[in-house]
Amino acid sequence: MAIENRKVTVTVNGQERSAEVEPRKLLVHYLRDDLGLTGTHIGCDTSQCGACTIMVNGAAVKSCTMLAVQADESELITVEGLGTIDHLHPMQQSFWEEHGLQCGYCTPGVMMAMIGLLQENPNPSEEEIREGMEGVICRCTGYQFIVSAVQKAAKIMAEAAAKDGEAVAASQLVGEGTHRG
């Protein structure tokens, strides 16, 4: 018996996308294989490493734990939607300036998870950042530079909010540099 494909429509990085997918296809495979968004990495296939973390309706989610059909009608933001080369997201800028990466494989997932953390806690302590990273694994670093990068991103985002005269959630900054189309 053949499995019938289902139509999935999502808004990814500000752009509506539709495709027919197998009901058992993981969201991470839909993003990478069907949409060509390869910044979302597959690191473990067991939901342990967090390399596949994206934002789903404003929440950080490991995309290997969700089926593409479950994301139907959702708004997704991947690392490709954070910023552009000319206008980096504060998290990207901070990772660059604070050397928050080594090989870079985990970096997209770490950044997305930390954006999720800053949505919940815009001014986390070092301990709270380390607690927030419990769902992501970096095999290259000792995490200190990642913590420094997240602290710097939080500061940049707080300064942007103060400059605008209102509280700006981390989620409002996601996709700022994304080309809408």
C-alpha atoms as a PDB file:
ATOM      1  CA  MET A   1       0.000   0.000   0.000  1.00  0.00           C
ATOM      2  CA  ALA A   2       1.455   3.347  -1.062  1.00  0.00           C
ATOM      3  CA  ILE A   3       1.622   6.218   1.369  1.00  0.00           C
ATOM      4  CA  GLU A   4      -0.336   9.209   0.116  1.00  0.00           C
ATOM      5  CA  ASN A   5       1.530  12.511   0.121  1.00  0.00           C
ATOM      6  CA  ARG A   6       0.024  15.513   1.864  1.00  0.00           C
ATOM      7  CA  LYS A   7       0.290  19.162   0.927  1.00  0.00           C
ATOM      8  CA  VAL A   8       2.196  21.289   3.423  1.00  0.00           C
ATOM      9  CA  THR A   9       2.236  25.084   3.319  1.00  0.00           C
ATOM     10  CA  VAL A  10       4.608  26.972   5.595  1.00  0.00           C
ATOM     11  CA  THR A  11       6.056  30.448   5.763  1.00  0.00           C
ATOM     12  CA  VAL A  12       9.824  30.034   5.883  1.00  0.00           C
ATOM     13  CA  ASN A  13      11.987  33.085   6.484  1.00  0.00           C
ATOM     14  CA  GLY A  14       9.128  35.312   5.381  1.00  0.00           C
ATOM     15  CA  GLN A  15       8.330  33.413   2.189  1.00  0.00           C
ATOM     16  CA  GLU A  16       5.336  31.100   1.747  1.00  0.00           C
ATOM     17  CA  ARG A  17       6.354  27.656   0.496  1.00  0.00           C
ATOM     18  CA  SER A  18       4.193  24.645  -0.401  1.00  0.00           C
ATOM     19  CA  ALA A  19       5.042  21.079  -1.292  1.00  0.00           C
ATOM     20  CA  GLU A  20       3.600  17.595  -1.351  1.00  0.00           C
ATOM     21  CA  VAL A  21       5.355  15.523   1.302  1.00  0.00           C
ATOM     22  CA  GLU A  22       5.247  12.037   2.645  1.00  0.00           C
ATOM     23  CA  PRO A  23       3.413  12.152   6.011  1.00  0.00           C
ATOM     24  CA  ARG A  24       6.387  10.571   7.783  1.00  0.00           C
ATOM     25  CA  LYS A  25       8.984  13.054   6.473  1.00  0.00           C
ATOM     26  CA  LEU A  26      10.793  14.910   9.232  1.00  0.00           C
ATOM     27  CA  LEU A  27      10.730  18.696   9.154  1.00  0.00           C
ATOM     28  CA  VAL A  28      14.541  18.821   9.010  1.00  0.00           C
ATOM     29  CA  HIS A  29      14.515  16.724   5.816  1.00  0.00           C
ATOM     30  CA  TYR A  30      11.757  18.873   4.299  1.00  0.00           C
ATOM     31  CA  LEU A  31      13.823  22.005   4.953  1.00  0.00           C
ATOM     32  CA  ARG A  32      17.072  20.558   3.642  1.00  0.00           C
ATOM     33  CA  ASP A  33      15.919  18.273   0.826  1.00  0.00           C
ATOM     34  CA  ASP A  34      12.749  19.916  -0.478  1.00  0.00           C
ATOM     35  CA  LEU A  35      13.451  23.592   0.229  1.00  0.00           C
ATOM     36  CA  GLY A  36      17.271  23.555  -0.074  1.00  0.00           C
ATOM     37  CA  LEU A  37      17.785  25.250   3.299  1.00  0.00           C
ATOM     38  CA  THR A  38      20.917  23.357   4.268  1.00  0.00           C
ATOM     39  CA  GLY A  39      21.918  25.645   7.135  1.00  0.00           C
ATOM     40  CA  THR A  40      19.727  23.475   9.350  1.00  0.00           C
ATOM     41  CA  HIS A  41      22.085  20.606  10.118  1.00  0.00           C
ATOM     42  CA  ILE A  42      21.477  16.976  11.005  1.00  0.00           C
ATOM     43  CA  GLY A  43      23.941  15.994  13.677  1.00  0.00           C
ATOM     44  CA  CYS A  44      22.687  12.932  15.500  1.00  0.00           C
ATOM     45  CA  ASP A  45      19.300  11.652  14.230  1.00  0.00           C
ATOM     46  CA  THR A  46      18.254  11.196  17.866  1.00  0.00           C
ATOM     47  CA  SER A  47      17.263  14.746  18.935  1.00  0.00           C
ATOM     48  CA  GLN A  48      20.232  14.969  21.295  1.00  0.00           C
ATOM     49  CA  CYS A  49      22.561  17.483  19.620  1.00  0.00           C
ATOM     50  CA  GLY A  50      20.356  20.453  18.666  1.00  0.00           C
ATOM     51  CA  ALA A  51      22.131  21.121  15.344  1.00  0.00           C
ATOM     52  CA  CYS A  52      18.723  21.141  13.641  1.00  0.00           C
ATOM     53  CA  THR A  53      17.131  23.786  15.897  1.00  0.00           C
ATOM     54  CA  ILE A  54      14.903  26.323  14.142  1.00  0.00           C
ATOM     55  CA  MET A  55      12.115  28.656  15.232  1.00  0.00           C
ATOM     56  CA  VAL A  56       8.557  27.357  14.773  1.00  0.00           C
ATOM     57  CA  ASN A  57       5.909  29.973  15.493  1.00  0.00           C
ATOM     58  CA  GLY A  58       8.422  31.836  17.628  1.00  0.00           C
ATOM     59  CA  ALA A  59       9.640  28.860  19.675  1.00  0.00           C
ATOM     60  CA  ALA A  60      12.973  27.069  19.359  1.00  0.00           C
ATOM     61  CA  VAL A  61      12.302  23.519  18.139  1.00  0.00           C
ATOM     62  CA  LYS A  62      14.573  20.659  17.125  1.00  0.00           C
ATOM     63  CA  SER A  63      13.330  20.086  13.593  1.00  0.00           C
ATOM     64  CA  CYS A  64      14.274  16.397  13.726  1.00  0.00           C
ATOM     65  CA  THR A  65      11.556  15.901  16.354  1.00  0.00           C
ATOM     66  CA  MET A  66       8.722  17.223  14.210  1.00  0.00           C
ATOM     67  CA  LEU A  67       7.087  15.950  11.058  1.00  0.00           C
ATOM     68  CA  ALA A  68       6.750  18.323   8.121  1.00  0.00           C
ATOM     69  CA  VAL A  69       2.962  17.816   8.162  1.00  0.00           C
ATOM     70  CA  GLN A  70       2.893  19.001  11.791  1.00  0.00           C
ATOM     71  CA  ALA A  71       4.404  22.292  10.626  1.00  0.00           C
ATOM     72  CA  ASP A  72       1.619  22.940   8.111  1.00  0.00           C
ATOM     73  CA  GLU A  73       0.438  26.565   8.332  1.00  0.00           C
ATOM     74  CA  SER A  74       3.336  27.460  10.652  1.00  0.00           C
ATOM     75  CA  GLU A  75       5.895  30.238  10.481  1.00  0.00           C
ATOM     76  CA  LEU A  76       9.436  28.871  10.402  1.00  0.00           C
ATOM     77  CA  ILE A  77      12.705  30.722  10.733  1.00  0.00           C
ATOM     78  CA  THR A  78      15.947  28.981   9.894  1.00  0.00           C
ATOM     79  CA  VAL A  79      19.478  30.287  10.230  1.00  0.00           C
ATOM     80  CA  GLU A  80      19.210  31.533   6.639  1.00  0.00           C
ATOM     81  CA  GLY A  81      16.461  33.903   7.798  1.00  0.00           C
ATOM     82  CA  LEU A  82      18.407  35.607  10.557  1.00  0.00           C
ATOM     83  CA  GLY A  83      20.280  38.194   8.562  1.00  0.00           C
ATOM     84  CA  THR A  84      22.244  38.955   5.453  1.00  0.00           C
ATOM     85  CA  ILE A  85      25.950  39.350   4.873  1.00  0.00           C
ATOM     86  CA  ASP A  86      25.410  43.127   4.922  1.00  0.00           C
ATOM     87  CA  HIS A  87      23.114  43.116   7.973  1.00  0.00           C
ATOM     88  CA  LEU A  88      23.898  40.335  10.421  1.00  0.00           C
ATOM     89  CA  HIS A  89      21.497  39.475  13.209  1.00  0.00           C
ATOM     90  CA  PRO A  90      22.968  40.468  16.615  1.00  0.00           C
ATOM     91  CA  MET A  91      23.460  36.768  17.431  1.00  0.00           C
ATOM     92  CA  GLN A  92      25.415  36.201  14.210  1.00  0.00           C
ATOM     93  CA  GLN A  93      27.478  39.347  14.740  1.00  0.00           C
ATOM     94  CA  SER A  94      28.247  38.360  18.321  1.00  0.00           C
ATOM     95  CA  PHE A  95      29.277  34.820  17.375  1.00  0.00           C
ATOM     96  CA  TRP A  96      31.656  36.309  14.821  1.00  0.00           C
ATOM     97  CA  GLU A  97      33.130  38.945  17.130  1.00  0.00           C
ATOM     98  CA  GLU A  98      33.379  36.691  20.208  1.00  0.00           C
ATOM     99  CA  HIS A  99      34.683  33.621  18.304  1.00  0.00           C
ATOM    100  CA  GLY A 100      31.650  31.588  19.360  1.00  0.00           C
ATOM    101  CA  LEU A 101      32.340  28.842  16.862  1.00  0.00           C
ATOM    102  CA  GLN A 102      35.090  26.555  15.742  1.00  0.00           C
ATOM    103  CA  CYS A 103      34.116  24.035  13.065  1.00  0.00           C
ATOM    104  CA  GLY A 104      30.721  25.752  12.740  1.00  0.00           C
ATOM    105  CA  TYR A 105      28.624  22.610  12.377  1.00  0.00           C
ATOM    106  CA  CYS A 106      26.560  23.182  15.518  1.00  0.00           C
ATOM    107  CA  THR A 107      26.533  26.967  15.198  1.00  0.00           C
ATOM    108  CA  PRO A 108      23.218  27.423  13.336  1.00  0.00           C
ATOM    109  CA  GLY A 109      21.360  25.288  15.875  1.00  0.00           C
ATOM    110  CA  VAL A 110      23.128  26.901  18.819  1.00  0.00           C
ATOM    111  CA  MET A 111      22.266  30.389  17.556  1.00  0.00           C
ATOM    112  CA  MET A 112      18.611  29.491  17.032  1.00  0.00           C
ATOM    113  CA  ALA A 113      18.380  27.864  20.475  1.00  0.00           C
ATOM    114  CA  MET A 114      19.965  30.921  22.076  1.00  0.00           C
ATOM    115  CA  ILE A 115      17.551  33.245  20.283  1.00  0.00           C
ATOM    116  CA  GLY A 116      14.804  31.125  21.843  1.00  0.00           C
ATOM    117  CA  LEU A 117      16.464  31.593  25.235  1.00  0.00           C
ATOM    118  CA  LEU A 118      16.669  35.384  24.777  1.00  0.00           C
ATOM    119  CA  GLN A 119      12.979  35.475  23.903  1.00  0.00           C
ATOM    120  CA  GLU A 120      12.208  33.978  27.297  1.00  0.00           C
ATOM    121  CA  ASN A 121      14.968  35.751  29.203  1.00  0.00           C
ATOM    122  CA  PRO A 122      16.407  38.873  27.514  1.00  0.00           C
ATOM    123  CA  ASN A 123      19.163  39.278  30.131  1.00  0.00           C
ATOM    124  CA  PRO A 124      20.349  35.812  31.157  1.00  0.00           C
ATOM    125  CA  SER A 125      23.227  35.191  33.545  1.00  0.00           C
ATOM    126  CA  GLU A 126      26.131  32.997  32.486  1.00  0.00           C
ATOM    127  CA  GLU A 127      24.574  30.125  34.442  1.00  0.00           C
ATOM    128  CA  GLU A 128      21.195  30.629  32.724  1.00  0.00           C
ATOM    129  CA  ILE A 129      22.868  30.634  29.303  1.00  0.00           C
ATOM    130  CA  ARG A 130      24.655  27.379  30.140  1.00  0.00           C
ATOM    131  CA  GLU A 131      21.344  25.892  31.343  1.00  0.00           C
ATOM    132  CA  GLY A 132      19.684  27.064  28.125  1.00  0.00           C
ATOM    133  CA  MET A 133      22.343  25.265  26.101  1.00  0.00           C
ATOM    134  CA  GLU A 134      21.572  21.887  27.682  1.00  0.00           C
ATOM    135  CA  GLY A 135      19.773  20.777  24.517  1.00  0.00           C
ATOM    136  CA  VAL A 136      22.631  21.603  22.150  1.00  0.00           C
ATOM    137  CA  ILE A 137      26.024  19.993  21.825  1.00  0.00           C
ATOM    138  CA  CYS A 138      29.228  21.527  20.538  1.00  0.00           C
ATOM    139  CA  ARG A 139      32.023  19.012  20.229  1.00  0.00           C
ATOM    140  CA  CYS A 140      34.754  21.586  19.508  1.00  0.00           C
ATOM    141  CA  THR A 141      34.496  24.330  22.103  1.00  0.00           C
ATOM    142  CA  GLY A 142      34.504  24.611  25.851  1.00  0.00           C
ATOM    143  CA  TYR A 143      31.347  26.728  25.458  1.00  0.00           C
ATOM    144  CA  GLN A 144      32.895  29.839  27.052  1.00  0.00           C
ATOM    145  CA  PHE A 145      33.096  31.749  23.761  1.00  0.00           C
ATOM    146  CA  ILE A 146      29.507  30.746  22.983  1.00  0.00           C
ATOM    147  CA  VAL A 147      28.404  32.088  26.373  1.00  0.00           C
ATOM    148  CA  SER A 148      30.302  35.334  25.701  1.00  0.00           C
ATOM    149  CA  ALA A 149      28.651  35.627  22.287  1.00  0.00           C
ATOM    150  CA  VAL A 150      25.162  35.151  23.760  1.00  0.00           C
ATOM    151  CA  GLN A 151      25.867  37.737  26.461  1.00  0.00           C
ATOM    152  CA  LYS A 152      27.010  40.213  23.812  1.00  0.00           C
ATOM    153  CA  ALA A 153      23.962  39.503  21.626  1.00  0.00           C
ATOM    154  CA  ALA A 154      21.677  40.071  24.624  1.00  0.00           C
ATOM    155  CA  LYS A 155      23.380  43.410  25.274  1.00  0.00           C
ATOM    156  CA  ILE A 156      23.090  44.504  21.615  1.00  0.00           C
ATOM    157  CA  MET A 157      19.430  43.525  21.526  1.00  0.00           C
ATOM    158  CA  ALA A 158      18.712  45.357  24.807  1.00  0.00           C
ATOM    159  CA  GLU A 159      20.431  48.480  23.477  1.00  0.00           C
ATOM    160  CA  ALA A 160      18.359  48.274  20.284  1.00  0.00           C
ATOM    161  CA  ALA A 161      15.192  47.979  22.376  1.00  0.00           C
ATOM    162  CA  ALA A 162      16.188  50.981  24.515  1.00  0.00           C
ATOM    163  CA  LYS A 163      17.024  52.992  21.425  1.00  0.00           C
ATOM    164  CA  ASP A 164      13.594  52.244  19.996  1.00  0.00           C
ATOM    165  CA  GLY A 165      12.001  53.238  23.300  1.00  0.00           C
ATOM    166  CA  GLU A 166      10.115  49.995  23.677  1.00  0.00           C
ATOM    167  CA  ALA A 167      10.725  46.399  24.602  1.00  0.00           C
ATOM    168  CA  VAL A 168      11.771  44.432  21.551  1.00  0.00           C
ATOM    169  CA  ALA A 169      11.498  40.681  21.876  1.00  0.00           C
ATOM    170  CA  ALA A 170      14.285  38.571  20.412  1.00  0.00           C
ATOM    171  CA  SER A 171      11.735  37.085  18.033  1.00  0.00           C
ATOM    172  CA  GLN A 172      11.063  40.511  16.520  1.00  0.00           C
ATOM    173  CA  LEU A 173      14.708  40.747  15.524  1.00  0.00           C
ATOM    174  CA  VAL A 174      14.689  37.338  13.851  1.00  0.00           C
ATOM    175  CA  GLY A 175      14.350  37.716  10.126  1.00  0.00           C
ATOM    176  CA  GLU A 176      15.224  41.404  10.149  1.00  0.00           C
ATOM    177  CA  GLY A 177      17.687  40.893   7.329  1.00  0.00           C
ATOM    178  CA  THR A 178      15.605  38.325   5.482  1.00  0.00           C
ATOM    179  CA  HIS A 179      14.678  39.055   1.917  1.00  0.00           C
ATOM    180  CA  ARG A 180      10.913  38.857   1.762  1.00  0.00           C
ATOM    181  CA  GLY A 181       9.463  37.642  -1.442  1.00  0.00           C
END
